[in-house]
Amino acid sequence: MLLCTAEGDTAAAHGIHDAVKLGNVHILEAMVKNGASINEHDTTKDHFTPLHWACHVGSLEVRFACAALTFELCCSYY
């Protein structure tokens, strides 16, 4: 799947975890805005969420974006 954002960024991403691994915050935010779950577990044996992957391999910007999106989701419940 080829994802594009309004800013013109493109990346080959097959899911939210790939967007995190690619380090593309724009695609990550667009995917969440369009319904992707920031808490989705991947199919690895560790069942990582996007935040786990961001902490494992992501840039500081991606880590902050994942944490902020997770925080927004948690706050929306209250």
PDB file of N, CA and C in Angstrom:
ATOM      1  N   MET A   1       0.855  -1.163   0.000  1.00  0.00           N
ATOM      2  CA  MET A   1       0.000   0.000   0.000  1.00  0.00           C
ATOM      3  C   MET A   1       0.900   1.224   0.000  1.00  0.00           C
ATOM      4  N   LEU A   2       0.598   2.191  -0.842  1.00  0.00           N
ATOM      5  CA  LEU A   2       1.348   3.438  -0.873  1.00  0.00           C
ATOM      6  C   LEU A   2       0.502   4.509  -0.226  1.00  0.00           C
ATOM      7  N   LEU A   3       1.007   5.110   0.804  1.00  0.00           N
ATOM      8  CA  LEU A   3       0.271   6.124   1.543  1.00  0.00           C
ATOM      9  C   LEU A   3       0.835   7.499   1.246  1.00  0.00           C
ATOM     10  N   CYS A   4      -0.049   8.470   1.059  1.00  0.00           N
ATOM     11  CA  CYS A   4       0.368   9.841   0.811  1.00  0.00           C
ATOM     12  C   CYS A   4      -0.315  10.761   1.801  1.00  0.00           C
ATOM     13  N   THR A   5       0.377  11.790   2.208  1.00  0.00           N
ATOM     14  CA  THR A   5      -0.220  12.792   3.080  1.00  0.00           C
ATOM     15  C   THR A   5      -0.337  14.094   2.310  1.00  0.00           C
ATOM     16  N   ALA A   6      -1.013  15.043   2.903  1.00  0.00           N
ATOM     17  CA  ALA A   6      -1.210  16.338   2.257  1.00  0.00           C
ATOM     18  C   ALA A   6       0.115  17.045   1.989  1.00  0.00           C
ATOM     19  N   GLU A   7       1.116  16.768   2.810  1.00  0.00           N
ATOM     20  CA  GLU A   7       2.409  17.408   2.645  1.00  0.00           C
ATOM     21  C   GLU A   7       3.198  16.808   1.485  1.00  0.00           C
ATOM     22  N   GLY A   8       2.679  15.733   0.890  1.00  0.00           N
ATOM     23  CA  GLY A   8       3.357  15.104  -0.233  1.00  0.00           C
ATOM     24  C   GLY A   8       4.300  13.993   0.166  1.00  0.00           C
ATOM     25  N   ASP A   9       4.363  13.663   1.447  1.00  0.00           N
ATOM     26  CA  ASP A   9       5.216  12.557   1.887  1.00  0.00           C
ATOM     27  C   ASP A   9       4.621  11.244   1.404  1.00  0.00           C
ATOM     28  N   THR A  10       5.468  10.345   0.997  1.00  0.00           N
ATOM     29  CA  THR A  10       5.010   9.018   0.620  1.00  0.00           C
ATOM     30  C   THR A  10       5.920   7.991   1.258  1.00  0.00           C
ATOM     31  N   ALA A  11       5.365   6.830   1.521  1.00  0.00           N
ATOM     32  CA  ALA A  11       6.149   5.725   2.058  1.00  0.00           C
ATOM     33  C   ALA A  11       5.388   4.446   1.803  1.00  0.00           C
ATOM     34  N   ALA A  12       6.114   3.391   1.570  1.00  0.00           N
ATOM     35  CA  ALA A  12       5.475   2.096   1.413  1.00  0.00           C
ATOM     36  C   ALA A  12       5.243   1.539   2.799  1.00  0.00           C
ATOM     37  N   ALA A  13       4.027   1.567   3.236  1.00  0.00           N
ATOM     38  CA  ALA A  13       3.698   1.079   4.571  1.00  0.00           C
ATOM     39  C   ALA A  13       2.492   0.167   4.471  1.00  0.00           C
ATOM     40  N   HIS A  14       2.563  -0.970   5.117  1.00  0.00           N
ATOM     41  CA  HIS A  14       1.472  -1.931   5.078  1.00  0.00           C
ATOM     42  C   HIS A  14       0.646  -1.901   6.345  1.00  0.00           C
ATOM     43  N   GLY A  15       1.034  -1.084   7.274  1.00  0.00           N
ATOM     44  CA  GLY A  15       0.303  -0.966   8.518  1.00  0.00           C
ATOM     45  C   GLY A  15       0.940   0.085   9.396  1.00  0.00           C
ATOM     46  N   ILE A  16       0.292   0.327  10.493  1.00  0.00           N
ATOM     47  CA  ILE A  16       0.759   1.375  11.397  1.00  0.00           C
ATOM     48  C   ILE A  16       2.153   1.075  11.945  1.00  0.00           C
ATOM     49  N   HIS A  17       2.458  -0.196  12.140  1.00  0.00           N
ATOM     50  CA  HIS A  17       3.786  -0.565  12.640  1.00  0.00           C
ATOM     51  C   HIS A  17       4.872  -0.219  11.620  1.00  0.00           C
ATOM     52  N   ASP A  18       4.569  -0.418  10.336  1.00  0.00           N
ATOM     53  CA  ASP A  18       5.535  -0.074   9.293  1.00  0.00           C
ATOM     54  C   ASP A  18       5.771   1.428   9.239  1.00  0.00           C
ATOM     55  N   ALA A  19       4.722   2.213   9.418  1.00  0.00           N
ATOM     56  CA  ALA A  19       4.884   3.665   9.422  1.00  0.00           C
ATOM     57  C   ALA A  19       5.828   4.091  10.544  1.00  0.00           C
ATOM     58  N   VAL A  20       5.694   3.451  11.699  1.00  0.00           N
ATOM     59  CA  VAL A  20       6.581   3.756  12.832  1.00  0.00           C
ATOM     60  C   VAL A  20       8.011   3.333  12.506  1.00  0.00           C
ATOM     61  N   LYS A  21       8.164   2.118  11.975  1.00  0.00           N
ATOM     62  CA  LYS A  21       9.502   1.628  11.653  1.00  0.00           C
ATOM     63  C   LYS A  21      10.178   2.487  10.594  1.00  0.00           C
ATOM     64  N   LEU A  22       9.378   3.040   9.652  1.00  0.00           N
ATOM     65  CA  LEU A  22       9.920   3.924   8.626  1.00  0.00           C
ATOM     66  C   LEU A  22      10.232   5.318   9.170  1.00  0.00           C
ATOM     67  N   GLY A  23       9.711   5.610  10.355  1.00  0.00           N
ATOM     68  CA  GLY A  23       9.979   6.887  10.984  1.00  0.00           C
ATOM     69  C   GLY A  23       9.204   8.058  10.409  1.00  0.00           C
ATOM     70  N   ASN A  24       8.064   7.770   9.774  1.00  0.00           N
ATOM     71  CA  ASN A  24       7.294   8.831   9.139  1.00  0.00           C
ATOM     72  C   ASN A  24       6.124   9.248  10.023  1.00  0.00           C
ATOM     73  N   VAL A  25       6.299  10.350  10.738  1.00  0.00           N
ATOM     74  CA  VAL A  25       5.289  10.838  11.672  1.00  0.00           C
ATOM     75  C   VAL A  25       4.018  11.263  10.932  1.00  0.00           C
ATOM     76  N   HIS A  26       4.179  11.864   9.753  1.00  0.00           N
ATOM     77  CA  HIS A  26       3.010  12.321   8.992  1.00  0.00           C
ATOM     78  C   HIS A  26       2.088  11.156   8.627  1.00  0.00           C
ATOM     79  N   ILE A  27       2.670  10.074   8.191  1.00  0.00           N
ATOM     80  CA  ILE A  27       1.864   8.897   7.835  1.00  0.00           C
ATOM     81  C   ILE A  27       1.265   8.280   9.086  1.00  0.00           C
ATOM     82  N   LEU A  28       2.026   8.192  10.153  1.00  0.00           N
ATOM     83  CA  LEU A  28       1.522   7.662  11.419  1.00  0.00           C
ATOM     84  C   LEU A  28       0.290   8.435  11.870  1.00  0.00           C
ATOM     85  N   GLU A  29       0.399   9.758  11.894  1.00  0.00           N
ATOM     86  CA  GLU A  29      -0.729  10.583  12.327  1.00  0.00           C
ATOM     87  C   GLU A  29      -1.922  10.452  11.382  1.00  0.00           C
ATOM     88  N   ALA A  30      -1.666  10.385  10.076  1.00  0.00           N
ATOM     89  CA  ALA A  30      -2.753  10.234   9.107  1.00  0.00           C
ATOM     90  C   ALA A  30      -3.465   8.895   9.281  1.00  0.00           C
ATOM     91  N   MET A  31      -2.696   7.848   9.543  1.00  0.00           N
ATOM     92  CA  MET A  31      -3.302   6.528   9.732  1.00  0.00           C
ATOM     93  C   MET A  31      -4.194   6.513  10.966  1.00  0.00           C
ATOM     94  N   VAL A  32      -3.730   7.105  12.060  1.00  0.00           N
ATOM     95  CA  VAL A  32      -4.531   7.149  13.289  1.00  0.00           C
ATOM     96  C   VAL A  32      -5.782   8.001  13.061  1.00  0.00           C
ATOM     97  N   LYS A  33      -5.613   9.115  12.380  1.00  0.00           N
ATOM     98  CA  LYS A  33      -6.750   9.994  12.082  1.00  0.00           C
ATOM     99  C   LYS A  33      -7.804   9.271  11.242  1.00  0.00           C
ATOM    100  N   ASN A  34      -7.346   8.341  10.402  1.00  0.00           N
ATOM    101  CA  ASN A  34      -8.259   7.597   9.532  1.00  0.00           C
ATOM    102  C   ASN A  34      -8.691   6.257  10.109  1.00  0.00           C
ATOM    103  N   GLY A  35      -8.457   6.058  11.409  1.00  0.00           N
ATOM    104  CA  GLY A  35      -9.021   4.897  12.082  1.00  0.00           C
ATOM    105  C   GLY A  35      -8.073   3.789  12.499  1.00  0.00           C
ATOM    106  N   ALA A  36      -6.792   3.890  12.178  1.00  0.00           N
ATOM    107  CA  ALA A  36      -5.847   2.867  12.629  1.00  0.00           C
ATOM    108  C   ALA A  36      -5.690   2.965  14.144  1.00  0.00           C
ATOM    109  N   SER A  37      -5.573   1.832  14.787  1.00  0.00           N
ATOM    110  CA  SER A  37      -5.448   1.808  16.246  1.00  0.00           C
ATOM    111  C   SER A  37      -3.995   2.011  16.671  1.00  0.00           C
ATOM    112  N   ILE A  38      -3.758   2.999  17.521  1.00  0.00           N
ATOM    113  CA  ILE A  38      -2.428   3.247  18.057  1.00  0.00           C
ATOM    114  C   ILE A  38      -2.030   2.138  19.031  1.00  0.00           C
ATOM    115  N   ASN A  39      -2.984   1.339  19.461  1.00  0.00           N
ATOM    116  CA  ASN A  39      -2.717   0.232  20.384  1.00  0.00           C
ATOM    117  C   ASN A  39      -2.721  -1.138  19.702  1.00  0.00           C
ATOM    118  N   GLU A  40      -2.692  -1.154  18.381  1.00  0.00           N
ATOM    119  CA  GLU A  40      -2.711  -2.417  17.642  1.00  0.00           C
ATOM    120  C   GLU A  40      -1.442  -3.222  17.917  1.00  0.00           C
ATOM    121  N   HIS A  41      -1.613  -4.494  18.200  1.00  0.00           N
ATOM    122  CA  HIS A  41      -0.475  -5.394  18.424  1.00  0.00           C
ATOM    123  C   HIS A  41      -0.070  -6.018  17.098  1.00  0.00           C
ATOM    124  N   ASP A  42       1.238  -6.135  16.879  1.00  0.00           N
ATOM    125  CA  ASP A  42       1.699  -6.752  15.640  1.00  0.00           C
ATOM    126  C   ASP A  42       1.709  -8.272  15.761  1.00  0.00           C
ATOM    127  N   THR A  43       2.170  -8.942  14.720  1.00  0.00           N
ATOM    128  CA  THR A  43       2.119 -10.408  14.690  1.00  0.00           C
ATOM    129  C   THR A  43       3.427 -11.055  15.143  1.00  0.00           C
ATOM    130  N   THR A  44       4.368 -10.269  15.654  1.00  0.00           N
ATOM    131  CA  THR A  44       5.604 -10.861  16.160  1.00  0.00           C
ATOM    132  C   THR A  44       5.323 -11.579  17.480  1.00  0.00           C
ATOM    133  N   LYS A  45       6.271 -12.354  17.915  1.00  0.00           N
ATOM    134  CA  LYS A  45       6.080 -13.104  19.166  1.00  0.00           C
ATOM    135  C   LYS A  45       5.917 -12.188  20.374  1.00  0.00           C
ATOM    136  N   ASP A  46       6.429 -10.953  20.263  1.00  0.00           N
ATOM    137  CA  ASP A  46       6.343 -10.002  21.373  1.00  0.00           C
ATOM    138  C   ASP A  46       5.055  -9.189  21.378  1.00  0.00           C
ATOM    139  N   HIS A  47       4.298  -9.228  20.275  1.00  0.00           N
ATOM    140  CA  HIS A  47       3.037  -8.493  20.156  1.00  0.00           C
ATOM    141  C   HIS A  47       3.223  -7.001  20.442  1.00  0.00           C
ATOM    142  N   PHE A  48       4.216  -6.398  19.770  1.00  0.00           N
ATOM    143  CA  PHE A  48       4.515  -4.983  19.966  1.00  0.00           C
ATOM    144  C   PHE A  48       3.393  -4.082  19.472  1.00  0.00           C
ATOM    145  N   THR A  49       3.170  -2.978  20.185  1.00  0.00           N
ATOM    146  CA  THR A  49       2.306  -1.901  19.726  1.00  0.00           C
ATOM    147  C   THR A  49       3.200  -0.907  18.969  1.00  0.00           C
ATOM    148  N   PRO A  50       2.611   0.069  18.274  1.00  0.00           N
ATOM    149  CA  PRO A  50       3.453   1.083  17.628  1.00  0.00           C
ATOM    150  C   PRO A  50       4.387   1.794  18.611  1.00  0.00           C
ATOM    151  N   LEU A  51       3.923   2.055  19.829  1.00  0.00           N
ATOM    152  CA  LEU A  51       4.785   2.704  20.820  1.00  0.00           C
ATOM    153  C   LEU A  51       5.973   1.813  21.187  1.00  0.00           C
ATOM    154  N   HIS A  52       5.742   0.507  21.313  1.00  0.00           N
ATOM    155  CA  HIS A  52       6.861  -0.409  21.574  1.00  0.00           C
ATOM    156  C   HIS A  52       7.904  -0.305  20.460  1.00  0.00           C
ATOM    157  N   TRP A  53       7.424  -0.337  19.191  1.00  0.00           N
ATOM    158  CA  TRP A  53       8.355  -0.258  18.063  1.00  0.00           C
ATOM    159  C   TRP A  53       9.073   1.078  18.031  1.00  0.00           C
ATOM    160  N   ALA A  54       8.371   2.151  18.357  1.00  0.00           N
ATOM    161  CA  ALA A  54       9.005   3.471  18.368  1.00  0.00           C
ATOM    162  C   ALA A  54      10.142   3.512  19.384  1.00  0.00           C
ATOM    163  N   CYS A  55       9.915   2.931  20.538  1.00  0.00           N
ATOM    164  CA  CYS A  55      10.957   2.898  21.567  1.00  0.00           C
ATOM    165  C   CYS A  55      12.098   1.976  21.175  1.00  0.00           C
ATOM    166  N   HIS A  56      11.787   0.942  20.415  1.00  0.00           N
ATOM    167  CA  HIS A  56      12.788  -0.046  20.023  1.00  0.00           C
ATOM    168  C   HIS A  56      13.665   0.448  18.865  1.00  0.00           C
ATOM    169  N   VAL A  57      13.045   1.035  17.835  1.00  0.00           N
ATOM    170  CA  VAL A  57      13.810   1.409  16.641  1.00  0.00           C
ATOM    171  C   VAL A  57      13.548   2.822  16.138  1.00  0.00           C
ATOM    172  N   GLY A  58      12.610   3.527  16.733  1.00  0.00           N
ATOM    173  CA  GLY A  58      12.194   4.812  16.179  1.00  0.00           C
ATOM    174  C   GLY A  58      13.040   5.989  16.623  1.00  0.00           C
ATOM    175  N   SER A  59      12.907   7.046  15.857  1.00  0.00           N
ATOM    176  CA  SER A  59      13.557   8.297  16.210  1.00  0.00           C
ATOM    177  C   SER A  59      12.826   8.931  17.386  1.00  0.00           C
ATOM    178  N   LEU A  60      13.441   9.919  17.962  1.00  0.00           N
ATOM    179  CA  LEU A  60      12.825  10.617  19.086  1.00  0.00           C
ATOM    180  C   LEU A  60      11.492  11.243  18.668  1.00  0.00           C
ATOM    181  N   GLU A  61      11.429  11.791  17.459  1.00  0.00           N
ATOM    182  CA  GLU A  61      10.190  12.389  16.955  1.00  0.00           C
ATOM    183  C   GLU A  61       9.063  11.362  16.870  1.00  0.00           C
ATOM    184  N   VAL A  62       9.375  10.171  16.402  1.00  0.00           N
ATOM    185  CA  VAL A  62       8.364   9.102  16.306  1.00  0.00           C
ATOM    186  C   VAL A  62       7.950   8.650  17.700  1.00  0.00           C
ATOM    187  N   ARG A  63       8.883   8.572  18.613  1.00  0.00           N
ATOM    188  CA  ARG A  63       8.552   8.187  19.996  1.00  0.00           C
ATOM    189  C   ARG A  63       7.578   9.177  20.612  1.00  0.00           C
ATOM    190  N   PHE A  64       7.864  10.471  20.441  1.00  0.00           N
ATOM    191  CA  PHE A  64       6.965  11.496  20.977  1.00  0.00           C
ATOM    192  C   PHE A  64       5.594  11.429  20.324  1.00  0.00           C
ATOM    193  N   ALA A  65       5.547  11.218  19.006  1.00  0.00           N
ATOM    194  CA  ALA A  65       4.266  11.146  18.297  1.00  0.00           C
ATOM    195  C   ALA A  65       3.441   9.968  18.790  1.00  0.00           C
ATOM    196  N   CYS A  66       4.054   8.808  18.936  1.00  0.00           N
ATOM    197  CA  CYS A  66       3.328   7.631  19.436  1.00  0.00           C
ATOM    198  C   CYS A  66       2.832   7.855  20.857  1.00  0.00           C
ATOM    199  N   ALA A  67       3.689   8.418  21.681  1.00  0.00           N
ATOM    200  CA  ALA A  67       3.285   8.674  23.065  1.00  0.00           C
ATOM    201  C   ALA A  67       2.141   9.677  23.114  1.00  0.00           C
ATOM    202  N   ALA A  68       2.204  10.723  22.311  1.00  0.00           N
ATOM    203  CA  ALA A  68       1.147  11.737  22.291  1.00  0.00           C
ATOM    204  C   ALA A  68      -0.161  11.150  21.787  1.00  0.00           C
ATOM    205  N   LEU A  69      -0.101  10.344  20.738  1.00  0.00           N
ATOM    206  CA  LEU A  69      -1.316   9.723  20.200  1.00  0.00           C
ATOM    207  C   LEU A  69      -1.917   8.748  21.205  1.00  0.00           C
ATOM    208  N   THR A  70      -1.075   8.013  21.912  1.00  0.00           N
ATOM    209  CA  THR A  70      -1.562   7.096  22.952  1.00  0.00           C
ATOM    210  C   THR A  70      -2.203   7.883  24.080  1.00  0.00           C
ATOM    211  N   PHE A  71      -1.571   8.986  24.494  1.00  0.00           N
ATOM    212  CA  PHE A  71      -2.103   9.829  25.561  1.00  0.00           C
ATOM    213  C   PHE A  71      -3.458  10.415  25.160  1.00  0.00           C
ATOM    214  N   GLU A  72      -3.576  10.901  23.914  1.00  0.00           N
ATOM    215  CA  GLU A  72      -4.842  11.441  23.430  1.00  0.00           C
ATOM    216  C   GLU A  72      -5.948  10.392  23.489  1.00  0.00           C
ATOM    217  N   LEU A  73      -5.625   9.166  23.115  1.00  0.00           N
ATOM    218  CA  LEU A  73      -6.597   8.083  23.144  1.00  0.00           C
ATOM    219  C   LEU A  73      -7.037   7.811  24.572  1.00  0.00           C
ATOM    220  N   CYS A  74      -6.102   7.744  25.495  1.00  0.00           N
ATOM    221  CA  CYS A  74      -6.437   7.483  26.894  1.00  0.00           C
ATOM    222  C   CYS A  74      -7.291   8.603  27.474  1.00  0.00           C
ATOM    223  N   CYS A  75      -6.976   9.838  27.145  1.00  0.00           N
ATOM    224  CA  CYS A  75      -7.735  10.975  27.672  1.00  0.00           C
ATOM    225  C   CYS A  75      -9.131  11.044  27.075  1.00  0.00           C
ATOM    226  N   SER A  76      -9.315  10.509  25.896  1.00  0.00           N
ATOM    227  CA  SER A  76     -10.640  10.580  25.259  1.00  0.00           C
ATOM    228  C   SER A  76     -11.646   9.667  25.946  1.00  0.00           C
ATOM    229  N   TYR A  77     -11.163   8.732  26.741  1.00  0.00           N
ATOM    230  CA  TYR A  77     -12.064   7.829  27.483  1.00  0.00           C
ATOM    231  C   TYR A  77     -12.696   8.503  28.691  1.00  0.00           C
ATOM    232  N   TYR A  78     -12.097   9.614  29.152  1.00  0.00           N
ATOM    233  CA  TYR A  78     -12.555  10.245  30.382  1.00  0.00           C
ATOM    234  C   TYR A  78     -13.227  11.537  30.122  1.00  0.00           C
TER     235      TYR A  78
END
